[in-house]
PDB file of N, CA and C in Angstrom:
ATOM      1  N   MET A   1      29.377 -23.885 -22.765  1.00  0.00           N
ATOM      2  CA  MET A   1      29.479 -23.536 -21.364  1.00  0.00           C
ATOM      3  C   MET A   1      28.094 -23.633 -20.672  1.00  0.00           C
ATOM      4  N   ILE A   2      27.057 -23.223 -21.373  1.00  0.00           N
ATOM      5  CA  ILE A   2      25.721 -23.270 -20.802  1.00  0.00           C
ATOM      6  C   ILE A   2      25.301 -24.689 -20.551  1.00  0.00           C
ATOM      7  N   LYS A   3      25.689 -25.641 -21.421  1.00  0.00           N
ATOM      8  CA  LYS A   3      25.323 -27.024 -21.219  1.00  0.00           C
ATOM      9  C   LYS A   3      25.994 -27.577 -19.959  1.00  0.00           C
ATOM     10  N   ILE A   4      27.182 -27.101 -19.644  1.00  0.00           N
ATOM     11  CA  ILE A   4      27.874 -27.544 -18.411  1.00  0.00           C
ATOM     12  C   ILE A   4      27.111 -27.025 -17.188  1.00  0.00           C
ATOM     13  N   VAL A   5      26.666 -25.786 -17.210  1.00  0.00           N
ATOM     14  CA  VAL A   5      25.905 -25.219 -16.109  1.00  0.00           C
ATOM     15  C   VAL A   5      24.574 -25.949 -15.942  1.00  0.00           C
ATOM     16  N   ILE A   6      23.887 -26.222 -17.045  1.00  0.00           N
ATOM     17  CA  ILE A   6      22.641 -26.972 -16.994  1.00  0.00           C
ATOM     18  C   ILE A   6      22.880 -28.370 -16.420  1.00  0.00           C
ATOM     19  N   SER A   7      23.928 -29.020 -16.899  1.00  0.00           N
ATOM     20  CA  SER A   7      24.207 -30.357 -16.420  1.00  0.00           C
ATOM     21  C   SER A   7      24.563 -30.349 -14.933  1.00  0.00           C
ATOM     22  N   PHE A   8      25.289 -29.309 -14.491  1.00  0.00           N
ATOM     23  CA  PHE A   8      25.614 -29.206 -13.056  1.00  0.00           C
ATOM     24  C   PHE A   8      24.371 -29.142 -12.214  1.00  0.00           C
ATOM     25  N   PHE A   9      23.423 -28.258 -12.555  1.00  0.00           N
ATOM     26  CA  PHE A   9      22.200 -28.132 -11.762  1.00  0.00           C
ATOM     27  C   PHE A   9      21.358 -29.408 -11.798  1.00  0.00           C
ATOM     28  N   LEU A  10      21.267 -30.057 -12.950  1.00  0.00           N
ATOM     29  CA  LEU A  10      20.488 -31.294 -13.011  1.00  0.00           C
ATOM     30  C   LEU A  10      21.146 -32.419 -12.238  1.00  0.00           C
ATOM     31  N   ILE A  11      22.454 -32.523 -12.305  1.00  0.00           N
ATOM     32  CA  ILE A  11      23.131 -33.609 -11.557  1.00  0.00           C
ATOM     33  C   ILE A  11      23.111 -33.307 -10.059  1.00  0.00           C
ATOM     34  N   ALA A  12      23.310 -32.030  -9.699  1.00  0.00           N
ATOM     35  CA  ALA A  12      23.231 -31.662  -8.263  1.00  0.00           C
ATOM     36  C   ALA A  12      21.829 -31.929  -7.710  1.00  0.00           C
ATOM     37  N   GLY A  13      20.806 -31.571  -8.442  1.00  0.00           N
ATOM     38  CA  GLY A  13      19.440 -31.814  -7.999  1.00  0.00           C
ATOM     39  C   GLY A  13      19.162 -33.325  -7.850  1.00  0.00           C
ATOM     40  N   THR A  14      19.636 -34.096  -8.794  1.00  0.00           N
ATOM     41  CA  THR A  14      19.463 -35.550  -8.718  1.00  0.00           C
ATOM     42  C   THR A  14      20.233 -36.137  -7.531  1.00  0.00           C
ATOM     43  N   PHE A  15      21.415 -35.615  -7.273  1.00  0.00           N
ATOM     44  CA  PHE A  15      22.195 -36.060  -6.128  1.00  0.00           C
ATOM     45  C   PHE A  15      21.456 -35.801  -4.825  1.00  0.00           C
ATOM     46  N   PHE A  16      20.891 -34.590  -4.680  1.00  0.00           N
ATOM     47  CA  PHE A  16      20.208 -34.271  -3.427  1.00  0.00           C
ATOM     48  C   PHE A  16      18.966 -35.138  -3.267  1.00  0.00           C
ATOM     49  N   ILE A  17      18.219 -35.397  -4.329  1.00  0.00           N
ATOM     50  CA  ILE A  17      17.037 -36.238  -4.203  1.00  0.00           C
ATOM     51  C   ILE A  17      17.452 -37.656  -3.853  1.00  0.00           C
ATOM     52  N   PHE A  18      18.531 -38.184  -4.473  1.00  0.00           N
ATOM     53  CA  PHE A  18      19.004 -39.513  -4.156  1.00  0.00           C
ATOM     54  C   PHE A  18      19.485 -39.606  -2.743  1.00  0.00           C
ATOM     55  N   SER A  19      20.258 -38.617  -2.255  1.00  0.00           N
ATOM     56  CA  SER A  19      20.751 -38.646  -0.882  1.00  0.00           C
ATOM     57  C   SER A  19      19.612 -38.508   0.115  1.00  0.00           C
ATOM     58  N   GLY A  20      18.557 -37.759  -0.221  1.00  0.00           N
ATOM     59  CA  GLY A  20      17.377 -37.673   0.648  1.00  0.00           C
ATOM     60  C   GLY A  20      16.635 -38.990   0.733  1.00  0.00           C
ATOM     61  N   THR A  21      16.625 -39.729  -0.354  1.00  0.00           N
ATOM     62  CA  THR A  21      15.995 -41.045  -0.347  1.00  0.00           C
ATOM     63  C   THR A  21      16.768 -41.987   0.556  1.00  0.00           C
ATOM     64  N   LEU A  22      18.091 -41.935   0.481  1.00  0.00           N
ATOM     65  CA  LEU A  22      18.896 -42.759   1.394  1.00  0.00           C
ATOM     66  C   LEU A  22      18.673 -42.354   2.857  1.00  0.00           C
ATOM     67  N   GLY A  23      18.535 -41.057   3.100  1.00  0.00           N
ATOM     68  CA  GLY A  23      18.242 -40.604   4.455  1.00  0.00           C
ATOM     69  C   GLY A  23      16.914 -41.094   4.980  1.00  0.00           C
ATOM     70  N   VAL A  24      15.910 -41.093   4.141  1.00  0.00           N
ATOM     71  CA  VAL A  24      14.597 -41.574   4.574  1.00  0.00           C
ATOM     72  C   VAL A  24      14.677 -43.070   4.896  1.00  0.00           C
ATOM     73  N   LEU A  25      15.457 -43.803   4.161  1.00  0.00           N
ATOM     74  CA  LEU A  25      15.590 -45.251   4.405  1.00  0.00           C
ATOM     75  C   LEU A  25      16.453 -45.581   5.617  1.00  0.00           C
ATOM     76  N   ARG A  26      17.457 -44.728   5.905  1.00  0.00           N
ATOM     77  CA  ARG A  26      18.465 -45.123   6.912  1.00  0.00           C
ATOM     78  C   ARG A  26      18.314 -44.448   8.266  1.00  0.00           C
ATOM     79  N   PHE A  27      17.675 -43.283   8.354  1.00  0.00           N
ATOM     80  CA  PHE A  27      17.618 -42.577   9.608  1.00  0.00           C
ATOM     81  C   PHE A  27      16.655 -43.281  10.575  1.00  0.00           C
ATOM     82  N   PRO A  28      16.920 -43.146  11.909  1.00  0.00           N
ATOM     83  CA  PRO A  28      16.224 -43.974  12.873  1.00  0.00           C
ATOM     84  C   PRO A  28      14.808 -43.567  13.224  1.00  0.00           C
ATOM     85  N   ASP A  29      14.484 -42.277  13.211  1.00  0.00           N
ATOM     86  CA  ASP A  29      13.108 -41.886  13.632  1.00  0.00           C
ATOM     87  C   ASP A  29      12.480 -40.946  12.615  1.00  0.00           C
ATOM     88  N   VAL A  30      11.201 -40.652  12.854  1.00  0.00           N
ATOM     89  CA  VAL A  30      10.444 -39.879  11.910  1.00  0.00           C
ATOM     90  C   VAL A  30      10.975 -38.477  11.725  1.00  0.00           C
ATOM     91  N   TYR A  31      11.534 -37.908  12.772  1.00  0.00           N
ATOM     92  CA  TYR A  31      12.044 -36.536  12.744  1.00  0.00           C
ATOM     93  C   TYR A  31      13.276 -36.425  11.837  1.00  0.00           C
ATOM     94  N   SER A  32      14.166 -37.342  11.965  1.00  0.00           N
ATOM     95  CA  SER A  32      15.347 -37.340  11.120  1.00  0.00           C
ATOM     96  C   SER A  32      14.974 -37.633   9.662  1.00  0.00           C
ATOM     97  N   ARG A  33      14.013 -38.508   9.500  1.00  0.00           N
ATOM     98  CA  ARG A  33      13.559 -38.819   8.142  1.00  0.00           C
ATOM     99  C   ARG A  33      12.887 -37.625   7.484  1.00  0.00           C
ATOM    100  N   LEU A  34      12.067 -36.909   8.248  1.00  0.00           N
ATOM    101  CA  LEU A  34      11.450 -35.704   7.700  1.00  0.00           C
ATOM    102  C   LEU A  34      12.460 -34.641   7.370  1.00  0.00           C
ATOM    103  N   HIS A  35      13.470 -34.521   8.204  1.00  0.00           N
ATOM    104  CA  HIS A  35      14.544 -33.549   7.927  1.00  0.00           C
ATOM    105  C   HIS A  35      15.241 -33.899   6.601  1.00  0.00           C
ATOM    106  N   ALA A  36      15.584 -35.157   6.430  1.00  0.00           N
ATOM    107  CA  ALA A  36      16.256 -35.569   5.211  1.00  0.00           C
ATOM    108  C   ALA A  36      15.331 -35.363   3.979  1.00  0.00           C
ATOM    109  N   ALA A  37      14.097 -35.706   4.134  1.00  0.00           N
ATOM    110  CA  ALA A  37      13.167 -35.573   3.010  1.00  0.00           C
ATOM    111  C   ALA A  37      12.882 -34.117   2.633  1.00  0.00           C
ATOM    112  N   SER A  38      12.697 -33.251   3.620  1.00  0.00           N
ATOM    113  CA  SER A  38      12.364 -31.873   3.298  1.00  0.00           C
ATOM    114  C   SER A  38      13.569 -31.117   2.750  1.00  0.00           C
ATOM    115  N   LYS A  39      14.751 -31.294   3.337  1.00  0.00           N
ATOM    116  CA  LYS A  39      15.953 -30.640   2.807  1.00  0.00           C
ATOM    117  C   LYS A  39      16.301 -31.115   1.431  1.00  0.00           C
ATOM    118  N   ALA A  40      16.242 -32.415   1.238  1.00  0.00           N
ATOM    119  CA  ALA A  40      16.639 -32.982  -0.048  1.00  0.00           C
ATOM    120  C   ALA A  40      15.635 -32.605  -1.138  1.00  0.00           C
ATOM    121  N   SER A  41      14.351 -32.603  -0.798  1.00  0.00           N
ATOM    122  CA  SER A  41      13.354 -32.255  -1.826  1.00  0.00           C
ATOM    123  C   SER A  41      13.485 -30.801  -2.177  1.00  0.00           C
ATOM    124  N   THR A  42      13.736 -29.944  -1.211  1.00  0.00           N
ATOM    125  CA  THR A  42      13.899 -28.515  -1.515  1.00  0.00           C
ATOM    126  C   THR A  42      15.074 -28.275  -2.420  1.00  0.00           C
ATOM    127  N   LEU A  43      16.228 -28.807  -2.054  1.00  0.00           N
ATOM    128  CA  LEU A  43      17.425 -28.583  -2.863  1.00  0.00           C
ATOM    129  C   LEU A  43      17.382 -29.329  -4.194  1.00  0.00           C
ATOM    130  N   GLY A  44      16.871 -30.576  -4.165  1.00  0.00           N
ATOM    131  CA  GLY A  44      16.828 -31.404  -5.382  1.00  0.00           C
ATOM    132  C   GLY A  44      15.884 -30.835  -6.425  1.00  0.00           C
ATOM    133  N   VAL A  45      14.660 -30.596  -6.029  1.00  0.00           N
ATOM    134  CA  VAL A  45      13.672 -30.082  -6.969  1.00  0.00           C
ATOM    135  C   VAL A  45      14.070 -28.675  -7.439  1.00  0.00           C
ATOM    136  N   SER A  46      14.598 -27.851  -6.528  1.00  0.00           N
ATOM    137  CA  SER A  46      15.042 -26.520  -6.963  1.00  0.00           C
ATOM    138  C   SER A  46      16.170 -26.620  -7.971  1.00  0.00           C
ATOM    139  N   GLY A  47      17.139 -27.494  -7.736  1.00  0.00           N
ATOM    140  CA  GLY A  47      18.227 -27.670  -8.694  1.00  0.00           C
ATOM    141  C   GLY A  47      17.740 -28.116 -10.043  1.00  0.00           C
ATOM    142  N   ILE A  48      16.854 -29.062 -10.065  1.00  0.00           N
ATOM    143  CA  ILE A  48      16.320 -29.543 -11.354  1.00  0.00           C
ATOM    144  C   ILE A  48      15.507 -28.439 -12.040  1.00  0.00           C
ATOM    145  N   LEU A  49      14.722 -27.692 -11.307  1.00  0.00           N
ATOM    146  CA  LEU A  49      13.963 -26.597 -11.906  1.00  0.00           C
ATOM    147  C   LEU A  49      14.867 -25.461 -12.408  1.00  0.00           C
ATOM    148  N   ILE A  50      15.907 -25.190 -11.685  1.00  0.00           N
ATOM    149  CA  ILE A  50      16.854 -24.161 -12.142  1.00  0.00           C
ATOM    150  C   ILE A  50      17.528 -24.616 -13.429  1.00  0.00           C
ATOM    151  N   GLY A  51      17.963 -25.870 -13.479  1.00  0.00           N
ATOM    152  CA  GLY A  51      18.566 -26.399 -14.707  1.00  0.00           C
ATOM    153  C   GLY A  51      17.566 -26.372 -15.840  1.00  0.00           C
ATOM    154  N   SER A  52      16.337 -26.697 -15.585  1.00  0.00           N
ATOM    155  CA  SER A  52      15.294 -26.632 -16.638  1.00  0.00           C
ATOM    156  C   SER A  52      15.070 -25.196 -17.100  1.00  0.00           C
ATOM    157  N   PHE A  53      15.065 -24.280 -16.149  1.00  0.00           N
ATOM    158  CA  PHE A  53      14.839 -22.863 -16.515  1.00  0.00           C
ATOM    159  C   PHE A  53      15.984 -22.345 -17.399  1.00  0.00           C
ATOM    160  N   ILE A  54      17.213 -22.675 -17.049  1.00  0.00           N
ATOM    161  CA  ILE A  54      18.371 -22.227 -17.856  1.00  0.00           C
ATOM    162  C   ILE A  54      18.318 -22.872 -19.238  1.00  0.00           C
ATOM    163  N   TYR A  55      17.903 -24.147 -19.317  1.00  0.00           N
ATOM    164  CA  TYR A  55      17.789 -24.803 -20.598  1.00  0.00           C
ATOM    165  C   TYR A  55      16.731 -24.117 -21.473  1.00  0.00           C
ATOM    166  N   VAL A  56      15.572 -23.882 -20.917  1.00  0.00           N
ATOM    167  CA  VAL A  56      14.517 -23.255 -21.678  1.00  0.00           C
ATOM    168  C   VAL A  56      14.889 -21.827 -22.099  1.00  0.00           C
ATOM    169  N   LEU A  57      15.580 -21.127 -21.192  1.00  0.00           N
ATOM    170  CA  LEU A  57      15.996 -19.768 -21.503  1.00  0.00           C
ATOM    171  C   LEU A  57      17.018 -19.672 -22.649  1.00  0.00           C
ATOM    172  N   PHE A  58      18.039 -20.526 -22.584  1.00  0.00           N
ATOM    173  CA  PHE A  58      19.138 -20.392 -23.565  1.00  0.00           C
ATOM    174  C   PHE A  58      18.962 -21.241 -24.777  1.00  0.00           C
ATOM    175  N   GLU A  59      18.299 -22.375 -24.689  1.00  0.00           N
ATOM    176  CA  GLU A  59      18.147 -23.268 -25.859  1.00  0.00           C
ATOM    177  C   GLU A  59      16.881 -22.920 -26.636  1.00  0.00           C
ATOM    178  N   MET A  60      15.812 -22.584 -25.954  1.00  0.00           N
ATOM    179  CA  MET A  60      14.547 -22.313 -26.650  1.00  0.00           C
ATOM    180  C   MET A  60      14.252 -20.824 -26.709  1.00  0.00           C
ATOM    181  N   HIS A  61      15.050 -20.029 -26.023  1.00  0.00           N
ATOM    182  CA  HIS A  61      14.897 -18.552 -26.026  1.00  0.00           C
ATOM    183  C   HIS A  61      13.526 -18.120 -25.511  1.00  0.00           C
ATOM    184  N   VAL A  62      13.101 -18.777 -24.412  1.00  0.00           N
ATOM    185  CA  VAL A  62      11.801 -18.465 -23.795  1.00  0.00           C
ATOM    186  C   VAL A  62      12.055 -18.242 -22.304  1.00  0.00           C
ATOM    187  N   PHE A  63      11.547 -17.130 -21.798  1.00  0.00           N
ATOM    188  CA  PHE A  63      11.623 -16.881 -20.371  1.00  0.00           C
ATOM    189  C   PHE A  63      10.403 -17.497 -19.724  1.00  0.00           C
ATOM    190  N   SER A  64      10.604 -18.514 -18.891  1.00  0.00           N
ATOM    191  CA  SER A  64       9.513 -19.286 -18.321  1.00  0.00           C
ATOM    192  C   SER A  64       9.231 -18.791 -16.854  1.00  0.00           C
ATOM    193  N   GLY A  65       8.200 -17.998 -16.780  1.00  0.00           N
ATOM    194  CA  GLY A  65       7.803 -17.526 -15.439  1.00  0.00           C
ATOM    195  C   GLY A  65       7.246 -18.636 -14.595  1.00  0.00           C
ATOM    196  N   LYS A  66       6.693 -19.669 -15.212  1.00  0.00           N
ATOM    197  CA  LYS A  66       6.131 -20.789 -14.486  1.00  0.00           C
ATOM    198  C   LYS A  66       7.199 -21.563 -13.765  1.00  0.00           C
ATOM    199  N   LEU A  67       8.387 -21.704 -14.381  1.00  0.00           N
ATOM    200  CA  LEU A  67       9.484 -22.366 -13.680  1.00  0.00           C
ATOM    201  C   LEU A  67       9.997 -21.541 -12.511  1.00  0.00           C
ATOM    202  N   ILE A  68      10.059 -20.216 -12.705  1.00  0.00           N
ATOM    203  CA  ILE A  68      10.476 -19.340 -11.603  1.00  0.00           C
ATOM    204  C   ILE A  68       9.471 -19.456 -10.440  1.00  0.00           C
ATOM    205  N   LEU A  69       8.204 -19.437 -10.755  1.00  0.00           N
ATOM    206  CA  LEU A  69       7.180 -19.579  -9.712  1.00  0.00           C
ATOM    207  C   LEU A  69       7.240 -20.938  -9.038  1.00  0.00           C
ATOM    208  N   GLY A  70       7.566 -21.976  -9.830  1.00  0.00           N
ATOM    209  CA  GLY A  70       7.719 -23.300  -9.259  1.00  0.00           C
ATOM    210  C   GLY A  70       8.883 -23.390  -8.292  1.00  0.00           C
ATOM    211  N   ILE A  71       9.992 -22.755  -8.649  1.00  0.00           N
ATOM    212  CA  ILE A  71      11.178 -22.711  -7.791  1.00  0.00           C
ATOM    213  C   ILE A  71      10.843 -21.973  -6.491  1.00  0.00           C
ATOM    214  N   LEU A  72      10.209 -20.807  -6.591  1.00  0.00           N
ATOM    215  CA  LEU A  72       9.851 -20.047  -5.402  1.00  0.00           C
ATOM    216  C   LEU A  72       8.850 -20.794  -4.523  1.00  0.00           C
ATOM    217  N   PHE A  73       7.913 -21.468  -5.133  1.00  0.00           N
ATOM    218  CA  PHE A  73       6.908 -22.238  -4.402  1.00  0.00           C
ATOM    219  C   PHE A  73       7.555 -23.357  -3.622  1.00  0.00           C
ATOM    220  N   VAL A  74       8.454 -24.095  -4.233  1.00  0.00           N
ATOM    221  CA  VAL A  74       9.142 -25.179  -3.546  1.00  0.00           C
ATOM    222  C   VAL A  74      10.033 -24.652  -2.437  1.00  0.00           C
ATOM    223  N   LEU A  75      10.739 -23.569  -2.677  1.00  0.00           N
ATOM    224  CA  LEU A  75      11.625 -23.005  -1.664  1.00  0.00           C
ATOM    225  C   LEU A  75      10.858 -22.496  -0.459  1.00  0.00           C
ATOM    226  N   MET A  76       9.640 -22.043  -0.657  1.00  0.00           N
ATOM    227  CA  MET A  76       8.843 -21.510   0.461  1.00  0.00           C
ATOM    228  C   MET A  76       8.022 -22.540   1.182  1.00  0.00           C
ATOM    229  N   THR A  77       7.517 -23.543   0.473  1.00  0.00           N
ATOM    230  CA  THR A  77       6.579 -24.458   1.090  1.00  0.00           C
ATOM    231  C   THR A  77       7.177 -25.741   1.638  1.00  0.00           C
ATOM    232  N   ALA A  78       8.179 -26.298   0.972  1.00  0.00           N
ATOM    233  CA  ALA A  78       8.701 -27.606   1.433  1.00  0.00           C
ATOM    234  C   ALA A  78       9.296 -27.574   2.830  1.00  0.00           C
ATOM    235  N   PRO A  79      10.133 -26.587   3.183  1.00  0.00           N
ATOM    236  CA  PRO A  79      10.631 -26.559   4.550  1.00  0.00           C
ATOM    237  C   PRO A  79       9.561 -26.316   5.604  1.00  0.00           C
ATOM    238  N   VAL A  80       8.596 -25.503   5.284  1.00  0.00           N
ATOM    239  CA  VAL A  80       7.505 -25.232   6.225  1.00  0.00           C
ATOM    240  C   VAL A  80       6.654 -26.472   6.427  1.00  0.00           C
ATOM    241  N   ALA A  81       6.385 -27.183   5.345  1.00  0.00           N
ATOM    242  CA  ALA A  81       5.606 -28.413   5.450  1.00  0.00           C
ATOM    243  C   ALA A  81       6.325 -29.483   6.285  1.00  0.00           C
ATOM    244  N   GLY A  82       7.596 -29.628   6.062  1.00  0.00           N
ATOM    245  CA  GLY A  82       8.379 -30.584   6.830  1.00  0.00           C
ATOM    246  C   GLY A  82       8.386 -30.210   8.313  1.00  0.00           C
ATOM    247  N   HIS A  83       8.526 -28.920   8.625  1.00  0.00           N
ATOM    248  CA  HIS A  83       8.500 -28.472  10.007  1.00  0.00           C
ATOM    249  C   HIS A  83       7.139 -28.742  10.652  1.00  0.00           C
ATOM    250  N   MET A  84       6.073 -28.425   9.925  1.00  0.00           N
ATOM    251  CA  MET A  84       4.738 -28.599  10.505  1.00  0.00           C
ATOM    252  C   MET A  84       4.407 -30.063  10.709  1.00  0.00           C
ATOM    253  N   ILE A  85       4.832 -30.927   9.820  1.00  0.00           N
ATOM    254  CA  ILE A  85       4.573 -32.352   9.963  1.00  0.00           C
ATOM    255  C   ILE A  85       5.351 -32.909  11.169  1.00  0.00           C
ATOM    256  N   SER A  86       6.610 -32.469  11.322  1.00  0.00           N
ATOM    257  CA  SER A  86       7.393 -32.979  12.468  1.00  0.00           C
ATOM    258  C   SER A  86       6.874 -32.373  13.789  1.00  0.00           C
ATOM    259  N   ARG A  87       6.406 -31.170  13.764  1.00  0.00           N
ATOM    260  CA  ARG A  87       5.842 -30.556  14.985  1.00  0.00           C
ATOM    261  C   ARG A  87       4.550 -31.296  15.376  1.00  0.00           C
ATOM    262  N   ALA A  88       3.733 -31.641  14.391  1.00  0.00           N
ATOM    263  CA  ALA A  88       2.507 -32.392  14.677  1.00  0.00           C
ATOM    264  C   ALA A  88       2.851 -33.789  15.210  1.00  0.00           C
ATOM    265  N   ALA A  89       3.875 -34.419  14.674  1.00  0.00           N
ATOM    266  CA  ALA A  89       4.310 -35.725  15.165  1.00  0.00           C
ATOM    267  C   ALA A  89       4.787 -35.621  16.604  1.00  0.00           C
ATOM    268  N   TYR A  90       5.521 -34.560  16.928  1.00  0.00           N
ATOM    269  CA  TYR A  90       6.019 -34.401  18.288  1.00  0.00           C
ATOM    270  C   TYR A  90       4.863 -34.165  19.255  1.00  0.00           C
ATOM    271  N   ARG A  91       3.913 -33.360  18.860  1.00  0.00           N
ATOM    272  CA  ARG A  91       2.794 -33.036  19.767  1.00  0.00           C
ATOM    273  C   ARG A  91       1.858 -34.228  19.971  1.00  0.00           C
ATOM    274  N   THR A  92       1.818 -35.151  19.014  1.00  0.00           N
ATOM    275  CA  THR A  92       0.953 -36.347  19.193  1.00  0.00           C
ATOM    276  C   THR A  92       1.692 -37.448  19.883  1.00  0.00           C
ATOM    277  N   GLY A  93       2.988 -37.244  20.231  1.00  0.00           N
ATOM    278  CA  GLY A  93       3.693 -38.232  21.052  1.00  0.00           C
ATOM    279  C   GLY A  93       4.484 -39.271  20.280  1.00  0.00           C
ATOM    280  N   VAL A  94       4.834 -38.999  19.066  1.00  0.00           N
ATOM    281  CA  VAL A  94       5.675 -39.953  18.327  1.00  0.00           C
ATOM    282  C   VAL A  94       7.061 -39.933  18.997  1.00  0.00           C
ATOM    283  N   PRO A  95       7.560 -41.082  19.419  1.00  0.00           N
ATOM    284  CA  PRO A  95       8.807 -41.139  20.197  1.00  0.00           C
ATOM    285  C   PRO A  95      10.036 -40.754  19.383  1.00  0.00           C
ATOM    286  N   LEU A  96      10.992 -40.140  20.095  1.00  0.00           N
ATOM    287  CA  LEU A  96      12.294 -39.831  19.482  1.00  0.00           C
ATOM    288  C   LEU A  96      13.128 -41.086  19.450  1.00  0.00           C
ATOM    289  N   SER A  97      14.190 -41.055  18.710  1.00  0.00           N
ATOM    290  CA  SER A  97      15.131 -42.147  18.659  1.00  0.00           C
ATOM    291  C   SER A  97      15.894 -42.251  19.989  1.00  0.00           C
ATOM    292  N   GLU A  98      16.352 -43.436  20.356  1.00  0.00           N
ATOM    293  CA  GLU A  98      17.131 -43.571  21.559  1.00  0.00           C
ATOM    294  C   GLU A  98      18.455 -42.843  21.457  1.00  0.00           C
ATOM    295  N   LYS A  99      18.903 -42.589  20.255  1.00  0.00           N
ATOM    296  CA  LYS A  99      20.157 -41.891  20.009  1.00  0.00           C
ATOM    297  C   LYS A  99      20.053 -40.386  20.171  1.00  0.00           C
ATOM    298  N   THR A 100      18.859 -39.871  20.402  1.00  0.00           N
ATOM    299  CA  THR A 100      18.655 -38.424  20.546  1.00  0.00           C
ATOM    300  C   THR A 100      19.321 -37.974  21.825  1.00  0.00           C
ATOM    301  N   VAL A 101      20.192 -36.990  21.698  1.00  0.00           N
ATOM    302  CA  VAL A 101      20.954 -36.516  22.876  1.00  0.00           C
ATOM    303  C   VAL A 101      20.256 -35.343  23.539  1.00  0.00           C
ATOM    304  N   PHE A 102      19.682 -34.451  22.799  1.00  0.00           N
ATOM    305  CA  PHE A 102      19.086 -33.236  23.341  1.00  0.00           C
ATOM    306  C   PHE A 102      17.713 -32.992  22.736  1.00  0.00           C
ATOM    307  N   ASN A 103      16.723 -32.821  23.593  1.00  0.00           N
ATOM    308  CA  ASN A 103      15.361 -32.534  23.125  1.00  0.00           C
ATOM    309  C   ASN A 103      15.029 -31.108  23.479  1.00  0.00           C
ATOM    310  N   GLU A 104      15.131 -30.235  22.540  1.00  0.00           N
ATOM    311  CA  GLU A 104      14.904 -28.792  22.812  1.00  0.00           C
ATOM    312  C   GLU A 104      13.458 -28.457  23.107  1.00  0.00           C
ATOM    313  N   LEU A 105      12.535 -29.280  22.663  1.00  0.00           N
ATOM    314  CA  LEU A 105      11.105 -29.011  22.868  1.00  0.00           C
ATOM    315  C   LEU A 105      10.578 -29.604  24.156  1.00  0.00           C
ATOM    316  N   GLU A 106      11.388 -30.361  24.851  1.00  0.00           N
ATOM    317  CA  GLU A 106      10.925 -30.987  26.080  1.00  0.00           C
ATOM    318  C   GLU A 106      10.545 -29.924  27.108  1.00  0.00           C
ATOM    319  N   LYS A 107       9.385 -30.110  27.724  1.00  0.00           N
ATOM    320  CA  LYS A 107       8.928 -29.130  28.731  1.00  0.00           C
ATOM    321  C   LYS A 107       9.788 -29.259  29.977  1.00  0.00           C
ATOM    322  N   LYS A 108      10.148 -28.102  30.478  1.00  0.00           N
ATOM    323  CA  LYS A 108      10.971 -28.101  31.677  1.00  0.00           C
ATOM    324  C   LYS A 108      10.071 -28.157  32.909  1.00  0.00           C
ATOM    325  N   ASP A 109      10.605 -28.693  33.972  1.00  0.00           N
ATOM    326  CA  ASP A 109       9.861 -28.799  35.218  1.00  0.00           C
ATOM    327  C   ASP A 109       9.674 -27.407  35.784  1.00  0.00           C
ATOM    328  N   SER A 110       8.414 -27.014  36.012  1.00  0.00           N
ATOM    329  CA  SER A 110       8.130 -25.667  36.457  1.00  0.00           C
ATOM    330  C   SER A 110       8.490 -25.434  37.934  1.00  0.00           C
ATOM    331  N   SER A 111       8.683 -26.504  38.700  1.00  0.00           N
ATOM    332  CA  SER A 111       9.034 -26.334  40.094  1.00  0.00           C
ATOM    333  C   SER A 111      10.464 -25.897  40.293  1.00  0.00           C
ATOM    334  N   ASN A 112      11.334 -26.093  39.316  1.00  0.00           N
ATOM    335  CA  ASN A 112      12.753 -25.698  39.391  1.00  0.00           C
ATOM    336  C   ASN A 112      12.995 -24.291  38.953  1.00  0.00           C
ATOM    337  N   THR A 113      12.011 -23.624  38.361  1.00  0.00           N
ATOM    338  CA  THR A 113      12.228 -22.265  37.863  1.00  0.00           C
ATOM    339  C   THR A 113      12.052 -21.282  39.002  1.00  0.00           C
ATOM    340  N   PRO A 114      12.857 -20.217  39.043  1.00  0.00           N
ATOM    341  CA  PRO A 114      12.765 -19.232  40.129  1.00  0.00           C
ATOM    342  C   PRO A 114      11.521 -18.353  40.023  1.00  0.00           C
TER     343      PRO A 114
END
């Protein structure tokens, strides 16, 4: 049963990394690509590290604090890094895709405000 759980996490992590790679190749602008890359890397690497942690815990009978710290590090830093890179791209004027419907960060005209 443990091998099935380990295989599930490893396959799920590999799926997320593969789908993120497809997103980086297929999405139209840098913002969509960063979204795909940051979400996929967070879920993919976390899944692989969780599978590795379970393997080491049950097969080798070792509690690996380094893997737990690696999982926490990825979960905390990858989304923030993707957000900061996309925010920097927006502030430097990297254009959005023509397919973008709503730009939430667009500055509103101050003359129309009451």
